[in-house]
Amino acid sequence: MLWMKSFHIVFVTSWFAGLFYLPRIFVNLAMVAPDSEAERERLLLMASRLMRFTTLLAVPAVVLGLWLWLGFGIGHGPGNGWLHAKLFVVFLVLVYHASCAGLLRSFRQGRNRHGHRWYRWFNELPVFMLLAAVLLVVVKPF
């Protein structure tokens, strides 16, 4: 089980690294001058590759998390409200990941509706989600 936990932590950490950086590319994309097509295309290529790589990291992170939860019985029984809260945080991370994909799609189609300040705030959300997940797993407050 310790091997599974270790790989789960590595994949989750890597997944979050992508979620921390992808919106930073969105900040730069939102700031690109309309006449700078080469810069826009370069940033879109970077964002597309990072999105693909981040998605590939998310899959084993979620699969290993499910394996730990269902296969090893982690979080079953009384006093495990922390796990239900953590699963909700995981759901929020998946929604955030999907919204990054949608935002990237809107950039590709030239339909971005947000400015660079909005993306700077959007970029902070995974920090709070990671903090919540770690605190729930380590502290197990309920």
C-alpha atoms as a PDB file:
ATOM      1  CA  MET A   1       0.000   0.000   0.000  1.00  0.00           C
ATOM      2  CA  LEU A   2       2.890   2.402   0.670  1.00  0.00           C
ATOM      3  CA  TRP A   3       3.994   2.036  -2.965  1.00  0.00           C
ATOM      4  CA  MET A   4       0.513   3.017  -4.131  1.00  0.00           C
ATOM      5  CA  LYS A   5       0.423   6.003  -1.767  1.00  0.00           C
ATOM      6  CA  SER A   6       3.857   7.109  -2.951  1.00  0.00           C
ATOM      7  CA  PHE A   7       2.930   6.958  -6.634  1.00  0.00           C
ATOM      8  CA  HIS A   8      -0.382   8.660  -5.890  1.00  0.00           C
ATOM      9  CA  ILE A   9       1.444  11.558  -4.208  1.00  0.00           C
ATOM     10  CA  VAL A  10       3.921  11.862  -7.102  1.00  0.00           C
ATOM     11  CA  PHE A  11       1.162  11.948  -9.733  1.00  0.00           C
ATOM     12  CA  VAL A  12      -0.994  14.371  -7.736  1.00  0.00           C
ATOM     13  CA  THR A  13       1.985  16.685  -7.232  1.00  0.00           C
ATOM     14  CA  SER A  14       2.829  16.554 -10.939  1.00  0.00           C
ATOM     15  CA  TRP A  15      -0.796  17.132 -11.904  1.00  0.00           C
ATOM     16  CA  PHE A  16      -0.930  20.207  -9.686  1.00  0.00           C
ATOM     17  CA  ALA A  17       2.316  21.522 -11.157  1.00  0.00           C
ATOM     18  CA  GLY A  18       0.552  21.601 -14.514  1.00  0.00           C
ATOM     19  CA  LEU A  19      -2.543  23.223 -13.005  1.00  0.00           C
ATOM     20  CA  PHE A  20      -0.340  25.893 -11.408  1.00  0.00           C
ATOM     21  CA  TYR A  21       1.410  26.759 -14.668  1.00  0.00           C
ATOM     22  CA  LEU A  22      -1.333  26.451 -17.293  1.00  0.00           C
ATOM     23  CA  PRO A  23      -3.290  29.528 -16.121  1.00  0.00           C
ATOM     24  CA  ARG A  24      -0.006  31.481 -16.129  1.00  0.00           C
ATOM     25  CA  ILE A  25       0.147  30.798 -19.857  1.00  0.00           C
ATOM     26  CA  PHE A  26      -3.460  32.049 -20.048  1.00  0.00           C
ATOM     27  CA  VAL A  27      -2.331  35.297 -18.361  1.00  0.00           C
ATOM     28  CA  ASN A  28       0.269  35.724 -21.092  1.00  0.00           C
ATOM     29  CA  LEU A  29      -2.208  34.817 -23.825  1.00  0.00           C
ATOM     30  CA  ALA A  30      -4.653  37.418 -22.520  1.00  0.00           C
ATOM     31  CA  MET A  31      -1.898  40.028 -22.718  1.00  0.00           C
ATOM     32  CA  VAL A  32      -0.763  39.248 -26.292  1.00  0.00           C
ATOM     33  CA  ALA A  33      -1.144  42.184 -28.655  1.00  0.00           C
ATOM     34  CA  PRO A  34      -3.707  41.526 -31.427  1.00  0.00           C
ATOM     35  CA  ASP A  35      -1.039  41.893 -34.131  1.00  0.00           C
ATOM     36  CA  SER A  36       1.366  39.385 -32.522  1.00  0.00           C
ATOM     37  CA  GLU A  37       0.166  36.192 -34.164  1.00  0.00           C
ATOM     38  CA  ALA A  38       3.473  34.317 -33.756  1.00  0.00           C
ATOM     39  CA  GLU A  39       3.533  34.912 -29.989  1.00  0.00           C
ATOM     40  CA  ARG A  40      -0.101  33.860 -29.701  1.00  0.00           C
ATOM     41  CA  GLU A  41       0.535  30.635 -31.631  1.00  0.00           C
ATOM     42  CA  ARG A  42       3.631  29.831 -29.558  1.00  0.00           C
ATOM     43  CA  LEU A  43       1.712  30.296 -26.299  1.00  0.00           C
ATOM     44  CA  LEU A  44      -1.222  28.246 -27.608  1.00  0.00           C
ATOM     45  CA  LEU A  45       1.168  25.437 -28.522  1.00  0.00           C
ATOM     46  CA  MET A  46       2.716  25.552 -25.040  1.00  0.00           C
ATOM     47  CA  ALA A  47      -0.706  25.558 -23.384  1.00  0.00           C
ATOM     48  CA  SER A  48      -1.972  22.705 -25.555  1.00  0.00           C
ATOM     49  CA  ARG A  49       1.020  20.519 -24.785  1.00  0.00           C
ATOM     50  CA  LEU A  50       0.845  21.296 -21.082  1.00  0.00           C
ATOM     51  CA  MET A  51      -2.897  20.559 -21.024  1.00  0.00           C
ATOM     52  CA  ARG A  52      -2.317  17.191 -22.681  1.00  0.00           C
ATOM     53  CA  PHE A  53       0.544  16.332 -20.312  1.00  0.00           C
ATOM     54  CA  THR A  54      -1.414  17.504 -17.251  1.00  0.00           C
ATOM     55  CA  THR A  55      -4.369  15.352 -18.279  1.00  0.00           C
ATOM     56  CA  LEU A  56      -2.068  12.349 -18.663  1.00  0.00           C
ATOM     57  CA  LEU A  57      -0.854  12.959 -15.094  1.00  0.00           C
ATOM     58  CA  ALA A  58      -4.376  13.374 -13.721  1.00  0.00           C
ATOM     59  CA  VAL A  59      -5.482   9.926 -14.864  1.00  0.00           C
ATOM     60  CA  PRO A  60      -3.077   7.839 -12.739  1.00  0.00           C
ATOM     61  CA  ALA A  61      -3.508  10.277  -9.831  1.00  0.00           C
ATOM     62  CA  VAL A  62      -7.261   9.646  -9.819  1.00  0.00           C
ATOM     63  CA  VAL A  63      -6.958   5.916 -10.527  1.00  0.00           C
ATOM     64  CA  LEU A  64      -4.449   5.409  -7.721  1.00  0.00           C
ATOM     65  CA  GLY A  65      -6.599   7.495  -5.376  1.00  0.00           C
ATOM     66  CA  LEU A  66      -9.616   5.326  -6.180  1.00  0.00           C
ATOM     67  CA  TRP A  67      -7.511   2.206  -5.703  1.00  0.00           C
ATOM     68  CA  LEU A  68      -6.397   3.403  -2.272  1.00  0.00           C
ATOM     69  CA  TRP A  69      -9.935   4.326  -1.302  1.00  0.00           C
ATOM     70  CA  LEU A  70     -11.776   1.279  -2.616  1.00  0.00           C
ATOM     71  CA  GLY A  71      -9.100  -1.399  -2.734  1.00  0.00           C
ATOM     72  CA  PHE A  72      -7.450  -0.809   0.608  1.00  0.00           C
ATOM     73  CA  GLY A  73     -10.429   0.505   2.538  1.00  0.00           C
ATOM     74  CA  ILE A  74      -8.886   3.861   3.364  1.00  0.00           C
ATOM     75  CA  GLY A  75     -11.516   6.142   4.818  1.00  0.00           C
ATOM     76  CA  HIS A  76     -14.160   3.536   5.538  1.00  0.00           C
ATOM     77  CA  GLY A  77     -15.851   3.496   8.905  1.00  0.00           C
ATOM     78  CA  PRO A  78     -16.672   6.131  11.521  1.00  0.00           C
ATOM     79  CA  GLY A  79     -14.563   9.249  11.926  1.00  0.00           C
ATOM     80  CA  ASN A  80     -13.770   9.557   8.255  1.00  0.00           C
ATOM     81  CA  GLY A  81     -15.642  12.712   7.349  1.00  0.00           C
ATOM     82  CA  TRP A  82     -12.314  14.152   6.247  1.00  0.00           C
ATOM     83  CA  LEU A  83     -12.298  11.723   3.320  1.00  0.00           C
ATOM     84  CA  HIS A  84     -15.703  12.871   2.091  1.00  0.00           C
ATOM     85  CA  ALA A  85     -14.476  16.463   2.261  1.00  0.00           C
ATOM     86  CA  LYS A  86     -11.292  15.487   0.396  1.00  0.00           C
ATOM     87  CA  LEU A  87     -13.319  13.717  -2.297  1.00  0.00           C
ATOM     88  CA  PHE A  88     -15.270  16.950  -2.739  1.00  0.00           C
ATOM     89  CA  VAL A  89     -11.962  18.822  -3.153  1.00  0.00           C
ATOM     90  CA  VAL A  90     -10.901  16.245  -5.754  1.00  0.00           C
ATOM     91  CA  PHE A  91     -14.188  16.882  -7.572  1.00  0.00           C
ATOM     92  CA  LEU A  92     -13.421  20.633  -7.524  1.00  0.00           C
ATOM     93  CA  VAL A  93      -9.932  19.978  -8.920  1.00  0.00           C
ATOM     94  CA  LEU A  94     -11.443  17.918 -11.744  1.00  0.00           C
ATOM     95  CA  VAL A  95     -13.902  20.753 -12.481  1.00  0.00           C
ATOM     96  CA  TYR A  96     -11.005  23.221 -12.473  1.00  0.00           C
ATOM     97  CA  HIS A  97      -9.046  20.975 -14.844  1.00  0.00           C
ATOM     98  CA  ALA A  98     -12.036  20.747 -17.186  1.00  0.00           C
ATOM     99  CA  SER A  99     -12.532  24.512 -17.046  1.00  0.00           C
ATOM    100  CA  CYS A 100      -8.863  24.976 -18.041  1.00  0.00           C
ATOM    101  CA  ALA A 101      -9.571  22.801 -21.083  1.00  0.00           C
ATOM    102  CA  GLY A 102     -12.590  24.950 -21.901  1.00  0.00           C
ATOM    103  CA  LEU A 103     -10.622  28.173 -21.506  1.00  0.00           C
ATOM    104  CA  LEU A 104      -7.881  26.832 -23.769  1.00  0.00           C
ATOM    105  CA  ARG A 105     -10.520  25.937 -26.350  1.00  0.00           C
ATOM    106  CA  SER A 106     -11.890  29.492 -26.187  1.00  0.00           C
ATOM    107  CA  PHE A 107      -8.383  30.906 -26.729  1.00  0.00           C
ATOM    108  CA  ARG A 108      -7.891  28.638 -29.750  1.00  0.00           C
ATOM    109  CA  GLN A 109     -11.188  29.840 -31.217  1.00  0.00           C
ATOM    110  CA  GLY A 110     -10.371  33.493 -30.518  1.00  0.00           C
ATOM    111  CA  ARG A 111     -13.254  33.804 -28.061  1.00  0.00           C
ATOM    112  CA  ASN A 112     -11.452  34.663 -24.836  1.00  0.00           C
ATOM    113  CA  ARG A 113     -13.755  36.743 -22.616  1.00  0.00           C
ATOM    114  CA  HIS A 114     -11.409  37.414 -19.701  1.00  0.00           C
ATOM    115  CA  GLY A 115      -8.542  39.781 -19.074  1.00  0.00           C
ATOM    116  CA  HIS A 116      -5.155  38.963 -17.627  1.00  0.00           C
ATOM    117  CA  ARG A 117      -6.237  40.013 -14.108  1.00  0.00           C
ATOM    118  CA  TRP A 118      -9.052  37.472 -14.128  1.00  0.00           C
ATOM    119  CA  TYR A 119      -6.572  34.747 -15.067  1.00  0.00           C
ATOM    120  CA  ARG A 120      -4.217  35.854 -12.298  1.00  0.00           C
ATOM    121  CA  TRP A 121      -7.002  35.253  -9.767  1.00  0.00           C
ATOM    122  CA  PHE A 122      -8.082  32.040 -11.498  1.00  0.00           C
ATOM    123  CA  ASN A 123      -4.469  30.866 -11.182  1.00  0.00           C
ATOM    124  CA  GLU A 124      -4.691  31.017  -7.363  1.00  0.00           C
ATOM    125  CA  LEU A 125      -7.558  28.518  -7.024  1.00  0.00           C
ATOM    126  CA  PRO A 126      -5.483  25.307  -7.250  1.00  0.00           C
ATOM    127  CA  VAL A 127      -3.259  26.575  -4.417  1.00  0.00           C
ATOM    128  CA  PHE A 128      -6.261  26.619  -2.086  1.00  0.00           C
ATOM    129  CA  MET A 129      -7.522  23.264  -3.338  1.00  0.00           C
ATOM    130  CA  LEU A 130      -4.128  21.641  -2.759  1.00  0.00           C
ATOM    131  CA  LEU A 131      -3.886  23.216   0.689  1.00  0.00           C
ATOM    132  CA  ALA A 132      -7.366  21.938   1.582  1.00  0.00           C
ATOM    133  CA  ALA A 133      -6.607  18.410   0.355  1.00  0.00           C
ATOM    134  CA  VAL A 134      -3.294  18.189   2.208  1.00  0.00           C
ATOM    135  CA  LEU A 135      -4.767  19.539   5.443  1.00  0.00           C
ATOM    136  CA  LEU A 136      -7.705  17.136   5.247  1.00  0.00           C
ATOM    137  CA  VAL A 137      -5.443  14.123   4.664  1.00  0.00           C
ATOM    138  CA  VAL A 138      -2.796  14.995   7.245  1.00  0.00           C
ATOM    139  CA  VAL A 139      -4.861  16.632  10.021  1.00  0.00           C
ATOM    140  CA  LYS A 140      -8.099  14.642   9.495  1.00  0.00           C
ATOM    141  CA  PRO A 141     -10.112  17.312  11.339  1.00  0.00           C
ATOM    142  CA  PHE A 142     -13.363  15.326  11.345  1.00  0.00           C
END
